[in-house]
Every structure is written in structure tokens, then in C-alpha cells.
Amino acid sequence: MDNDFIKPKQLILRCYAKQEAGLWVAVCLDFTLAVQAETMLDAKRKLEEQIEFYVSEALNDKEYGGQLLGRSAPVSSWLEYYFIGLIGSFYHSASVIFSETMPLRLA
């Protein structure tokens, strides 16, 4: 019966943003989503909007919704996330890791 409930850790989405060629790229690792913007704050806002739309669409998709919500980034993206987390504590860089909260709605 416990398998029917979402665990608190599942509500936290792991994300990072980095500067590439003058633009900020923000990535949600748990759903393999990415956006670009001119500022870090705009990239984060756009990623939040994309996550909300993605989760809404996945919850409405009876056939493939479970697969969409279980999708994860490739290993190379996870390595980049952990590398940014590691080097960020040593010196300032144009990269940052952050978390987003899973958008929820009542059933």
C-alpha cells in the first residue's frame, strides 16, 4: 500500500543552470527538460513553467504518463550536475545547482 504514495524526496526535482555562449541553460535532470534565456533568473523561471506544463500533460496522459514522469537525464548530465555542485563550493563560476518542487494538484 505504501507504493501508492509519493515520498517527500520525490517532490524535489534536481536542476542546474550554466552559462554557455552568452546564454543561460537551465536543466531539470529528473525529467530531461532544458531551456535557454539571457539571465539565470529568466532561465530558472522558464524551467519552472516548463516543469509545470510537463507534469500537467503527463498526469493527463493515461497511456504514457507514468513513463514521462519516470524519465531521467543521461549519465553525462548527472555528472555535470555533481561536478557543478563540487566545484561551486571551491570558487565562483557561471554555474549553479538548485532544486524545484514538483507541481502538485488535487486528484
PDB file of N, CA and C in Angstrom:
ATOM      1  N   MET A   1       0.821  -1.189   0.000  1.00  0.00           N
ATOM      2  CA  MET A   1       0.000   0.000   0.000  1.00  0.00           C
ATOM      3  C   MET A   1       0.866   1.255   0.000  1.00  0.00           C
ATOM      4  N   ASP A   2       2.050   1.234   0.654  1.00  0.00           N
ATOM      5  CA  ASP A   2       2.935   2.391   0.676  1.00  0.00           C
ATOM      6  C   ASP A   2       3.399   2.804  -0.712  1.00  0.00           C
ATOM      7  N   ASN A   3       3.413   1.885  -1.658  1.00  0.00           N
ATOM      8  CA  ASN A   3       3.875   2.187  -3.003  1.00  0.00           C
ATOM      9  C   ASN A   3       2.945   3.138  -3.739  1.00  0.00           C
ATOM     10  N   ASP A   4       1.730   3.339  -3.238  1.00  0.00           N
ATOM     11  CA  ASP A   4       0.773   4.226  -3.891  1.00  0.00           C
ATOM     12  C   ASP A   4       0.988   5.688  -3.541  1.00  0.00           C
ATOM     13  N   PHE A   5       1.878   5.970  -2.601  1.00  0.00           N
ATOM     14  CA  PHE A   5       2.088   7.334  -2.141  1.00  0.00           C
ATOM     15  C   PHE A   5       3.426   7.865  -2.634  1.00  0.00           C
ATOM     16  N   ILE A   6       3.468   9.160  -2.874  1.00  0.00           N
ATOM     17  CA  ILE A   6       4.708   9.816  -3.284  1.00  0.00           C
ATOM     18  C   ILE A   6       5.522  10.120  -2.034  1.00  0.00           C
ATOM     19  N   LYS A   7       6.789   9.761  -2.074  1.00  0.00           N
ATOM     20  CA  LYS A   7       7.689  10.043  -0.961  1.00  0.00           C
ATOM     21  C   LYS A   7       8.151  11.495  -1.059  1.00  0.00           C
ATOM     22  N   PRO A   8       8.406  12.154   0.085  1.00  0.00           N
ATOM     23  CA  PRO A   8       8.821  13.561   0.058  1.00  0.00           C
ATOM     24  C   PRO A   8      10.017  13.830  -0.857  1.00  0.00           C
ATOM     25  N   LYS A   9      10.995  12.919  -0.907  1.00  0.00           N
ATOM     26  CA  LYS A   9      12.161  13.126  -1.769  1.00  0.00           C
ATOM     27  C   LYS A   9      11.772  13.177  -3.242  1.00  0.00           C
ATOM     28  N   GLN A  10      10.678  12.523  -3.607  1.00  0.00           N
ATOM     29  CA  GLN A  10      10.235  12.513  -5.000  1.00  0.00           C
ATOM     30  C   GLN A  10       9.618  13.852  -5.407  1.00  0.00           C
ATOM     31  N   LEU A  11       9.344  14.713  -4.460  1.00  0.00           N
ATOM     32  CA  LEU A  11       8.756  16.011  -4.750  1.00  0.00           C
ATOM     33  C   LEU A  11       9.813  17.062  -5.074  1.00  0.00           C
ATOM     34  N   ILE A  12      11.079  16.729  -4.863  1.00  0.00           N
ATOM     35  CA  ILE A  12      12.179  17.652  -5.129  1.00  0.00           C
ATOM     36  C   ILE A  12      12.831  17.269  -6.452  1.00  0.00           C
ATOM     37  N   LEU A  13      12.859  18.198  -7.382  1.00  0.00           N
ATOM     38  CA  LEU A  13      13.448  17.976  -8.698  1.00  0.00           C
ATOM     39  C   LEU A  13      14.840  18.608  -8.726  1.00  0.00           C
ATOM     40  N   ARG A  14      15.820  17.855  -9.159  1.00  0.00           N
ATOM     41  CA  ARG A  14      17.192  18.353  -9.211  1.00  0.00           C
ATOM     42  C   ARG A  14      17.444  19.057 -10.533  1.00  0.00           C
ATOM     43  N   CYS A  15      18.006  20.267 -10.426  1.00  0.00           N
ATOM     44  CA  CYS A  15      18.216  21.118 -11.589  1.00  0.00           C
ATOM     45  C   CYS A  15      19.573  21.801 -11.506  1.00  0.00           C
ATOM     46  N   TYR A  16      20.032  22.288 -12.640  1.00  0.00           N
ATOM     47  CA  TYR A  16      21.210  23.143 -12.649  1.00  0.00           C
ATOM     48  C   TYR A  16      21.100  24.128 -13.791  1.00  0.00           C
ATOM     49  N   ALA A  17      21.886  25.188 -13.692  1.00  0.00           N
ATOM     50  CA  ALA A  17      21.953  26.189 -14.749  1.00  0.00           C
ATOM     51  C   ALA A  17      23.412  26.518 -14.987  1.00  0.00           C
ATOM     52  N   LYS A  18      23.741  26.774 -16.241  1.00  0.00           N
ATOM     53  CA  LYS A  18      25.114  27.139 -16.584  1.00  0.00           C
ATOM     54  C   LYS A  18      25.081  28.118 -17.736  1.00  0.00           C
ATOM     55  N   GLN A  19      26.144  28.891 -17.809  1.00  0.00           N
ATOM     56  CA  GLN A  19      26.249  29.870 -18.885  1.00  0.00           C
ATOM     57  C   GLN A  19      27.011  29.237 -20.045  1.00  0.00           C
ATOM     58  N   GLU A  20      26.414  29.355 -21.227  1.00  0.00           N
ATOM     59  CA  GLU A  20      27.018  28.812 -22.444  1.00  0.00           C
ATOM     60  C   GLU A  20      26.859  29.830 -23.556  1.00  0.00           C
ATOM     61  N   ALA A  21      27.960  30.262 -24.131  1.00  0.00           N
ATOM     62  CA  ALA A  21      27.937  31.183 -25.274  1.00  0.00           C
ATOM     63  C   ALA A  21      27.030  32.399 -25.026  1.00  0.00           C
ATOM     64  N   GLY A  22      27.128  32.964 -23.824  1.00  0.00           N
ATOM     65  CA  GLY A  22      26.376  34.172 -23.511  1.00  0.00           C
ATOM     66  C   GLY A  22      24.938  33.952 -23.082  1.00  0.00           C
ATOM     67  N   LEU A  23      24.469  32.712 -23.088  1.00  0.00           N
ATOM     68  CA  LEU A  23      23.109  32.399 -22.641  1.00  0.00           C
ATOM     69  C   LEU A  23      23.172  31.492 -21.419  1.00  0.00           C
ATOM     70  N   TRP A  24      22.109  31.526 -20.635  1.00  0.00           N
ATOM     71  CA  TRP A  24      21.976  30.597 -19.514  1.00  0.00           C
ATOM     72  C   TRP A  24      21.136  29.414 -19.964  1.00  0.00           C
ATOM     73  N   VAL A  25      21.605  28.229 -19.669  1.00  0.00           N
ATOM     74  CA  VAL A  25      20.885  26.991 -19.957  1.00  0.00           C
ATOM     75  C   VAL A  25      20.517  26.373 -18.608  1.00  0.00           C
ATOM     76  N   ALA A  26      19.224  26.152 -18.379  1.00  0.00           N
ATOM     77  CA  ALA A  26      18.751  25.524 -17.147  1.00  0.00           C
ATOM     78  C   ALA A  26      18.201  24.150 -17.495  1.00  0.00           C
ATOM     79  N   VAL A  27      18.559  23.156 -16.676  1.00  0.00           N
ATOM     80  CA  VAL A  27      18.225  21.761 -16.958  1.00  0.00           C
ATOM     81  C   VAL A  27      17.549  21.141 -15.743  1.00  0.00           C
ATOM     82  N   CYS A  28      16.453  20.415 -15.969  1.00  0.00           N
ATOM     83  CA  CYS A  28      15.810  19.598 -14.936  1.00  0.00           C
ATOM     84  C   CYS A  28      16.207  18.153 -15.219  1.00  0.00           C
ATOM     85  N   LEU A  29      17.039  17.585 -14.359  1.00  0.00           N
ATOM     86  CA  LEU A  29      17.561  16.240 -14.571  1.00  0.00           C
ATOM     87  C   LEU A  29      16.494  15.158 -14.443  1.00  0.00           C
ATOM     88  N   ASP A  30      15.547  15.371 -13.554  1.00  0.00           N
ATOM     89  CA  ASP A  30      14.555  14.324 -13.292  1.00  0.00           C
ATOM     90  C   ASP A  30      13.583  14.114 -14.441  1.00  0.00           C
ATOM     91  N   PHE A  31      13.438  15.089 -15.321  1.00  0.00           N
ATOM     92  CA  PHE A  31      12.536  14.937 -16.472  1.00  0.00           C
ATOM     93  C   PHE A  31      13.233  15.179 -17.810  1.00  0.00           C
ATOM     94  N   THR A  32      14.537  15.441 -17.794  1.00  0.00           N
ATOM     95  CA  THR A  32      15.297  15.733 -19.014  1.00  0.00           C
ATOM     96  C   THR A  32      14.672  16.909 -19.773  1.00  0.00           C
ATOM     97  N   LEU A  33      14.484  18.007 -19.073  1.00  0.00           N
ATOM     98  CA  LEU A  33      13.959  19.230 -19.675  1.00  0.00           C
ATOM     99  C   LEU A  33      15.056  20.288 -19.657  1.00  0.00           C
ATOM    100  N   ALA A  34      15.070  21.156 -20.655  1.00  0.00           N
ATOM    101  CA  ALA A  34      16.067  22.223 -20.697  1.00  0.00           C
ATOM    102  C   ALA A  34      15.484  23.458 -21.367  1.00  0.00           C
ATOM    103  N   VAL A  35      15.956  24.624 -20.933  1.00  0.00           N
ATOM    104  CA  VAL A  35      15.541  25.907 -21.511  1.00  0.00           C
ATOM    105  C   VAL A  35      16.769  26.807 -21.618  1.00  0.00           C
ATOM    106  N   GLN A  36      16.638  27.867 -22.419  1.00  0.00           N
ATOM    107  CA  GLN A  36      17.677  28.881 -22.549  1.00  0.00           C
ATOM    108  C   GLN A  36      17.069  30.250 -22.286  1.00  0.00           C
ATOM    109  N   ALA A  37      17.896  31.147 -21.736  1.00  0.00           N
ATOM    110  CA  ALA A  37      17.469  32.536 -21.522  1.00  0.00           C
ATOM    111  C   ALA A  37      18.711  33.415 -21.375  1.00  0.00           C
ATOM    112  N   GLU A  38      18.497  34.711 -21.400  1.00  0.00           N
ATOM    113  CA  GLU A  38      19.620  35.642 -21.306  1.00  0.00           C
ATOM    114  C   GLU A  38      20.132  35.820 -19.881  1.00  0.00           C
ATOM    115  N   THR A  39      19.270  35.573 -18.877  1.00  0.00           N
ATOM    116  CA  THR A  39      19.698  35.683 -17.487  1.00  0.00           C
ATOM    117  C   THR A  39      19.390  34.380 -16.757  1.00  0.00           C
ATOM    118  N   MET A  40      20.086  34.176 -15.657  1.00  0.00           N
ATOM    119  CA  MET A  40      19.857  32.976 -14.857  1.00  0.00           C
ATOM    120  C   MET A  40      18.443  32.963 -14.304  1.00  0.00           C
ATOM    121  N   LEU A  41      17.961  34.101 -13.821  1.00  0.00           N
ATOM    122  CA  LEU A  41      16.610  34.166 -13.263  1.00  0.00           C
ATOM    123  C   LEU A  41      15.549  33.858 -14.318  1.00  0.00           C
ATOM    124  N   ASP A  42      15.739  34.363 -15.531  1.00  0.00           N
ATOM    125  CA  ASP A  42      14.786  34.055 -16.605  1.00  0.00           C
ATOM    126  C   ASP A  42      14.841  32.571 -16.978  1.00  0.00           C
ATOM    127  N   ALA A  43      16.031  32.004 -16.997  1.00  0.00           N
ATOM    128  CA  ALA A  43      16.155  30.580 -17.314  1.00  0.00           C
ATOM    129  C   ALA A  43      15.462  29.737 -16.246  1.00  0.00           C
ATOM    130  N   LYS A  44      15.650  30.101 -14.998  1.00  0.00           N
ATOM    131  CA  LYS A  44      15.009  29.365 -13.899  1.00  0.00           C
ATOM    132  C   LYS A  44      13.484  29.490 -13.988  1.00  0.00           C
ATOM    133  N   ARG A  45      13.000  30.697 -14.256  1.00  0.00           N
ATOM    134  CA  ARG A  45      11.548  30.911 -14.378  1.00  0.00           C
ATOM    135  C   ARG A  45      10.974  30.095 -15.533  1.00  0.00           C
ATOM    136  N   LYS A  46      11.657  30.113 -16.677  1.00  0.00           N
ATOM    137  CA  LYS A  46      11.188  29.348 -17.834  1.00  0.00           C
ATOM    138  C   LYS A  46      11.191  27.844 -17.549  1.00  0.00           C
ATOM    139  N   LEU A  47      12.206  27.380 -16.808  1.00  0.00           N
ATOM    140  CA  LEU A  47      12.254  25.959 -16.457  1.00  0.00           C
ATOM    141  C   LEU A  47      11.112  25.594 -15.520  1.00  0.00           C
ATOM    142  N   GLU A  48      10.822  26.454 -14.560  1.00  0.00           N
ATOM    143  CA  GLU A  48       9.688  26.223 -13.655  1.00  0.00           C
ATOM    144  C   GLU A  48       8.386  26.087 -14.450  1.00  0.00           C
ATOM    145  N   GLU A  49       8.185  26.972 -15.424  1.00  0.00           N
ATOM    146  CA  GLU A  49       6.981  26.919 -16.253  1.00  0.00           C
ATOM    147  C   GLU A  49       6.947  25.632 -17.073  1.00  0.00           C
ATOM    148  N   GLN A  50       8.085  25.252 -17.631  1.00  0.00           N
ATOM    149  CA  GLN A  50       8.133  24.038 -18.439  1.00  0.00           C
ATOM    150  C   GLN A  50       7.860  22.800 -17.586  1.00  0.00           C
ATOM    151  N   ILE A  51       8.401  22.763 -16.371  1.00  0.00           N
ATOM    152  CA  ILE A  51       8.152  21.633 -15.466  1.00  0.00           C
ATOM    153  C   ILE A  51       6.668  21.537 -15.149  1.00  0.00           C
ATOM    154  N   GLU A  52       6.048  22.663 -14.838  1.00  0.00           N
ATOM    155  CA  GLU A  52       4.620  22.661 -14.505  1.00  0.00           C
ATOM    156  C   GLU A  52       3.789  22.145 -15.682  1.00  0.00           C
ATOM    157  N   PHE A  53       4.086  22.607 -16.885  1.00  0.00           N
ATOM    158  CA  PHE A  53       3.358  22.155 -18.072  1.00  0.00           C
ATOM    159  C   PHE A  53       3.601  20.665 -18.324  1.00  0.00           C
ATOM    160  N   TYR A  54       4.851  20.235 -18.209  1.00  0.00           N
ATOM    161  CA  TYR A  54       5.222  18.847 -18.461  1.00  0.00           C
ATOM    162  C   TYR A  54       4.489  17.895 -17.510  1.00  0.00           C
ATOM    163  N   VAL A  55       4.500  18.232 -16.217  1.00  0.00           N
ATOM    164  CA  VAL A  55       3.834  17.386 -15.225  1.00  0.00           C
ATOM    165  C   VAL A  55       2.335  17.348 -15.477  1.00  0.00           C
ATOM    166  N   SER A  56       1.740  18.485 -15.791  1.00  0.00           N
ATOM    167  CA  SER A  56       0.307  18.536 -16.087  1.00  0.00           C
ATOM    168  C   SER A  56      -0.041  17.638 -17.272  1.00  0.00           C
ATOM    169  N   GLU A  57       0.738  17.735 -18.333  1.00  0.00           N
ATOM    170  CA  GLU A  57       0.495  16.910 -19.517  1.00  0.00           C
ATOM    171  C   GLU A  57       0.691  15.425 -19.203  1.00  0.00           C
ATOM    172  N   ALA A  58       1.721  15.100 -18.448  1.00  0.00           N
ATOM    173  CA  ALA A  58       1.992  13.701 -18.101  1.00  0.00           C
ATOM    174  C   ALA A  58       0.862  13.120 -17.256  1.00  0.00           C
ATOM    175  N   LEU A  59       0.340  13.905 -16.327  1.00  0.00           N
ATOM    176  CA  LEU A  59      -0.756  13.411 -15.480  1.00  0.00           C
ATOM    177  C   LEU A  59      -2.042  13.199 -16.274  1.00  0.00           C
ATOM    178  N   ASN A  60      -2.201  13.932 -17.362  1.00  0.00           N
ATOM    179  CA  ASN A  60      -3.388  13.774 -18.201  1.00  0.00           C
ATOM    180  C   ASN A  60      -3.235  12.663 -19.241  1.00  0.00           C
ATOM    181  N   ASP A  61      -2.038  12.168 -19.441  1.00  0.00           N
ATOM    182  CA  ASP A  61      -1.774  11.126 -20.433  1.00  0.00           C
ATOM    183  C   ASP A  61      -1.894   9.758 -19.768  1.00  0.00           C
ATOM    184  N   LYS A  62      -3.038   9.122 -19.934  1.00  0.00           N
ATOM    185  CA  LYS A  62      -3.315   7.844 -19.278  1.00  0.00           C
ATOM    186  C   LYS A  62      -2.420   6.716 -19.796  1.00  0.00           C
ATOM    187  N   GLU A  63      -2.013   6.800 -21.051  1.00  0.00           N
ATOM    188  CA  GLU A  63      -1.229   5.713 -21.640  1.00  0.00           C
ATOM    189  C   GLU A  63       0.264   5.808 -21.319  1.00  0.00           C
ATOM    190  N   TYR A  64       0.844   7.005 -21.424  1.00  0.00           N
ATOM    191  CA  TYR A  64       2.284   7.150 -21.267  1.00  0.00           C
ATOM    192  C   TYR A  64       2.715   8.041 -20.106  1.00  0.00           C
ATOM    193  N   GLY A  65       1.774   8.529 -19.315  1.00  0.00           N
ATOM    194  CA  GLY A  65       2.092   9.449 -18.226  1.00  0.00           C
ATOM    195  C   GLY A  65       3.103   8.910 -17.240  1.00  0.00           C
ATOM    196  N   GLY A  66       2.989   7.652 -16.871  1.00  0.00           N
ATOM    197  CA  GLY A  66       3.934   7.045 -15.935  1.00  0.00           C
ATOM    198  C   GLY A  66       5.347   7.029 -16.488  1.00  0.00           C
ATOM    199  N   GLN A  67       5.476   6.748 -17.772  1.00  0.00           N
ATOM    200  CA  GLN A  67       6.794   6.745 -18.401  1.00  0.00           C
ATOM    201  C   GLN A  67       7.374   8.161 -18.444  1.00  0.00           C
ATOM    202  N   LEU A  68       6.536   9.138 -18.733  1.00  0.00           N
ATOM    203  CA  LEU A  68       7.008  10.520 -18.795  1.00  0.00           C
ATOM    204  C   LEU A  68       7.498  11.005 -17.435  1.00  0.00           C
ATOM    205  N   LEU A  69       6.784  10.638 -16.376  1.00  0.00           N
ATOM    206  CA  LEU A  69       7.174  11.071 -15.038  1.00  0.00           C
ATOM    207  C   LEU A  69       8.366  10.288 -14.505  1.00  0.00           C
ATOM    208  N   GLY A  70       8.681   9.153 -15.121  1.00  0.00           N
ATOM    209  CA  GLY A  70       9.819   8.344 -14.700  1.00  0.00           C
ATOM    210  C   GLY A  70      11.062   8.570 -15.537  1.00  0.00           C
ATOM    211  N   ARG A  71      11.010   9.507 -16.440  1.00  0.00           N
ATOM    212  CA  ARG A  71      12.121   9.780 -17.361  1.00  0.00           C
ATOM    213  C   ARG A  71      13.235  10.541 -16.637  1.00  0.00           C
ATOM    214  N   SER A  72      14.482  10.231 -16.949  1.00  0.00           N
ATOM    215  CA  SER A  72      15.607  10.882 -16.297  1.00  0.00           C
ATOM    216  C   SER A  72      16.698  11.206 -17.311  1.00  0.00           C
ATOM    217  N   ALA A  73      17.518  12.184 -16.972  1.00  0.00           N
ATOM    218  CA  ALA A  73      18.593  12.648 -17.862  1.00  0.00           C
ATOM    219  C   ALA A  73      19.673  11.583 -18.033  1.00  0.00           C
ATOM    220  N   PRO A  74      20.464  11.699 -19.096  1.00  0.00           N
ATOM    221  CA  PRO A  74      21.571  10.755 -19.300  1.00  0.00           C
ATOM    222  C   PRO A  74      22.665  10.950 -18.246  1.00  0.00           C
ATOM    223  N   VAL A  75      23.511   9.969 -18.113  1.00  0.00           N
ATOM    224  CA  VAL A  75      24.584   9.988 -17.120  1.00  0.00           C
ATOM    225  C   VAL A  75      25.467  11.224 -17.271  1.00  0.00           C
ATOM    226  N   SER A  76      25.748  11.647 -18.485  1.00  0.00           N
ATOM    227  CA  SER A  76      26.614  12.813 -18.698  1.00  0.00           C
ATOM    228  C   SER A  76      26.035  14.073 -18.035  1.00  0.00           C
ATOM    229  N   SER A  77      24.731  14.235 -18.063  1.00  0.00           N
ATOM    230  CA  SER A  77      24.098  15.388 -17.418  1.00  0.00           C
ATOM    231  C   SER A  77      24.185  15.289 -15.899  1.00  0.00           C
ATOM    232  N   TRP A  78      24.023  14.074 -15.364  1.00  0.00           N
ATOM    233  CA  TRP A  78      24.153  13.880 -13.915  1.00  0.00           C
ATOM    234  C   TRP A  78      25.584  14.162 -13.464  1.00  0.00           C
ATOM    235  N   LEU A  79      26.562  13.731 -14.244  1.00  0.00           N
ATOM    236  CA  LEU A  79      27.962  14.011 -13.900  1.00  0.00           C
ATOM    237  C   LEU A  79      28.221  15.512 -13.881  1.00  0.00           C
ATOM    238  N   GLU A  80      27.664  16.221 -14.850  1.00  0.00           N
ATOM    239  CA  GLU A  80      27.828  17.673 -14.891  1.00  0.00           C
ATOM    240  C   GLU A  80      27.193  18.321 -13.656  1.00  0.00           C
ATOM    241  N   TYR A  81      26.018  17.857 -13.265  1.00  0.00           N
ATOM    242  CA  TYR A  81      25.319  18.360 -12.078  1.00  0.00           C
ATOM    243  C   TYR A  81      26.190  18.191 -10.828  1.00  0.00           C
ATOM    244  N   TYR A  82      26.736  16.991 -10.631  1.00  0.00           N
ATOM    245  CA  TYR A  82      27.561  16.743  -9.443  1.00  0.00           C
ATOM    246  C   TYR A  82      28.887  17.499  -9.517  1.00  0.00           C
ATOM    247  N   PHE A  83      29.443  17.656 -10.698  1.00  0.00           N
ATOM    248  CA  PHE A  83      30.671  18.417 -10.866  1.00  0.00           C
ATOM    249  C   PHE A  83      30.435  19.882 -10.505  1.00  0.00           C
ATOM    250  N   ILE A  84      29.335  20.450 -10.970  1.00  0.00           N
ATOM    251  CA  ILE A  84      28.988  21.840 -10.630  1.00  0.00           C
ATOM    252  C   ILE A  84      28.810  21.969  -9.119  1.00  0.00           C
ATOM    253  N   GLY A  85      28.159  20.999  -8.505  1.00  0.00           N
ATOM    254  CA  GLY A  85      27.990  21.024  -7.055  1.00  0.00           C
ATOM    255  C   GLY A  85      29.319  20.961  -6.320  1.00  0.00           C
ATOM    256  N   LEU A  86      30.258  20.204  -6.851  1.00  0.00           N
ATOM    257  CA  LEU A  86      31.567  20.058  -6.230  1.00  0.00           C
ATOM    258  C   LEU A  86      32.412  21.320  -6.391  1.00  0.00           C
ATOM    259  N   ILE A  87      32.519  21.829  -7.604  1.00  0.00           N
ATOM    260  CA  ILE A  87      33.386  22.989  -7.819  1.00  0.00           C
ATOM    261  C   ILE A  87      32.769  24.276  -7.290  1.00  0.00           C
ATOM    262  N   GLY A  88      31.457  24.315  -7.187  1.00  0.00           N
ATOM    263  CA  GLY A  88      30.792  25.520  -6.697  1.00  0.00           C
ATOM    264  C   GLY A  88      31.197  25.866  -5.280  1.00  0.00           C
ATOM    265  N   SER A  89      31.566  24.847  -4.497  1.00  0.00           N
ATOM    266  CA  SER A  89      31.973  25.109  -3.121  1.00  0.00           C
ATOM    267  C   SER A  89      33.410  25.627  -3.034  1.00  0.00           C
ATOM    268  N   PHE A  90      34.180  25.516  -4.110  1.00  0.00           N
ATOM    269  CA  PHE A  90      35.575  25.961  -4.098  1.00  0.00           C
ATOM    270  C   PHE A  90      35.771  27.351  -4.680  1.00  0.00           C
ATOM    271  N   TYR A  91      35.017  27.698  -5.701  1.00  0.00           N
ATOM    272  CA  TYR A  91      35.160  29.031  -6.290  1.00  0.00           C
ATOM    273  C   TYR A  91      33.907  29.383  -7.071  1.00  0.00           C
ATOM    274  N   HIS A  92      33.731  30.661  -7.287  1.00  0.00           N
ATOM    275  CA  HIS A  92      32.554  31.145  -8.017  1.00  0.00           C
ATOM    276  C   HIS A  92      32.699  30.801  -9.500  1.00  0.00           C
ATOM    277  N   SER A  93      31.638  30.298 -10.082  1.00  0.00           N
ATOM    278  CA  SER A  93      31.648  30.003 -11.519  1.00  0.00           C
ATOM    279  C   SER A  93      30.311  30.411 -12.112  1.00  0.00           C
ATOM    280  N   ALA A  94      30.204  30.299 -13.401  1.00  0.00           N
ATOM    281  CA  ALA A  94      28.961  30.661 -14.081  1.00  0.00           C
ATOM    282  C   ALA A  94      28.035  29.452 -14.157  1.00  0.00           C
ATOM    283  N   SER A  95      27.959  28.703 -13.065  1.00  0.00           N
ATOM    284  CA  SER A  95      27.089  27.534 -12.982  1.00  0.00           C
ATOM    285  C   SER A  95      26.520  27.448 -11.574  1.00  0.00           C
ATOM    286  N   VAL A  96      25.318  26.899 -11.463  1.00  0.00           N
ATOM    287  CA  VAL A  96      24.686  26.777 -10.151  1.00  0.00           C
ATOM    288  C   VAL A  96      23.742  25.580 -10.161  1.00  0.00           C
ATOM    289  N   ILE A  97      23.659  24.877  -9.030  1.00  0.00           N
ATOM    290  CA  ILE A  97      22.655  23.825  -8.903  1.00  0.00           C
ATOM    291  C   ILE A  97      21.530  24.363  -8.026  1.00  0.00           C
ATOM    292  N   PHE A  98      20.325  23.866  -8.259  1.00  0.00           N
ATOM    293  CA  PHE A  98      19.175  24.287  -7.468  1.00  0.00           C
ATOM    294  C   PHE A  98      18.109  23.205  -7.545  1.00  0.00           C
ATOM    295  N   SER A  99      17.115  23.324  -6.713  1.00  0.00           N
ATOM    296  CA  SER A  99      16.009  22.366  -6.681  1.00  0.00           C
ATOM    297  C   SER A  99      14.716  23.072  -7.018  1.00  0.00           C
ATOM    298  N   GLU A 100      13.816  22.342  -7.600  1.00  0.00           N
ATOM    299  CA  GLU A 100      12.462  22.818  -7.842  1.00  0.00           C
ATOM    300  C   GLU A 100      11.513  21.839  -7.154  1.00  0.00           C
ATOM    301  N   THR A 101      10.361  22.315  -6.763  1.00  0.00           N
ATOM    302  CA  THR A 101       9.364  21.455  -6.151  1.00  0.00           C
ATOM    303  C   THR A 101       8.413  20.957  -7.206  1.00  0.00           C
ATOM    304  N   MET A 102       8.099  19.677  -7.144  1.00  0.00           N
ATOM    305  CA  MET A 102       7.176  19.081  -8.094  1.00  0.00           C
ATOM    306  C   MET A 102       5.832  19.792  -7.986  1.00  0.00           C
ATOM    307  N   PRO A 103       5.288  20.266  -9.117  1.00  0.00           N
ATOM    308  CA  PRO A 103       3.960  20.885  -9.084  1.00  0.00           C
ATOM    309  C   PRO A 103       2.912  19.842  -8.720  1.00  0.00           C
ATOM    310  N   LEU A 104       2.038  20.170  -7.817  1.00  0.00           N
ATOM    311  CA  LEU A 104       1.014  19.224  -7.375  1.00  0.00           C
ATOM    312  C   LEU A 104      -0.376  19.771  -7.684  1.00  0.00           C
ATOM    313  N   ARG A 105      -1.288  18.855  -7.826  1.00  0.00           N
ATOM    314  CA  ARG A 105      -2.689  19.237  -7.955  1.00  0.00           C
ATOM    315  C   ARG A 105      -3.534  18.173  -7.275  1.00  0.00           C
ATOM    316  N   LEU A 106      -4.683  18.573  -6.801  1.00  0.00           N
ATOM    317  CA  LEU A 106      -5.563  17.636  -6.122  1.00  0.00           C
ATOM    318  C   LEU A 106      -6.202  16.693  -7.117  1.00  0.00           C
ATOM    319  N   ALA A 107      -6.378  15.458  -6.698  1.00  0.00           N
ATOM    320  CA  ALA A 107      -6.982  14.447  -7.584  1.00  0.00           C
ATOM    321  C   ALA A 107      -8.473  14.670  -7.720  1.00  0.00           C
TER     322      ALA A 107
END
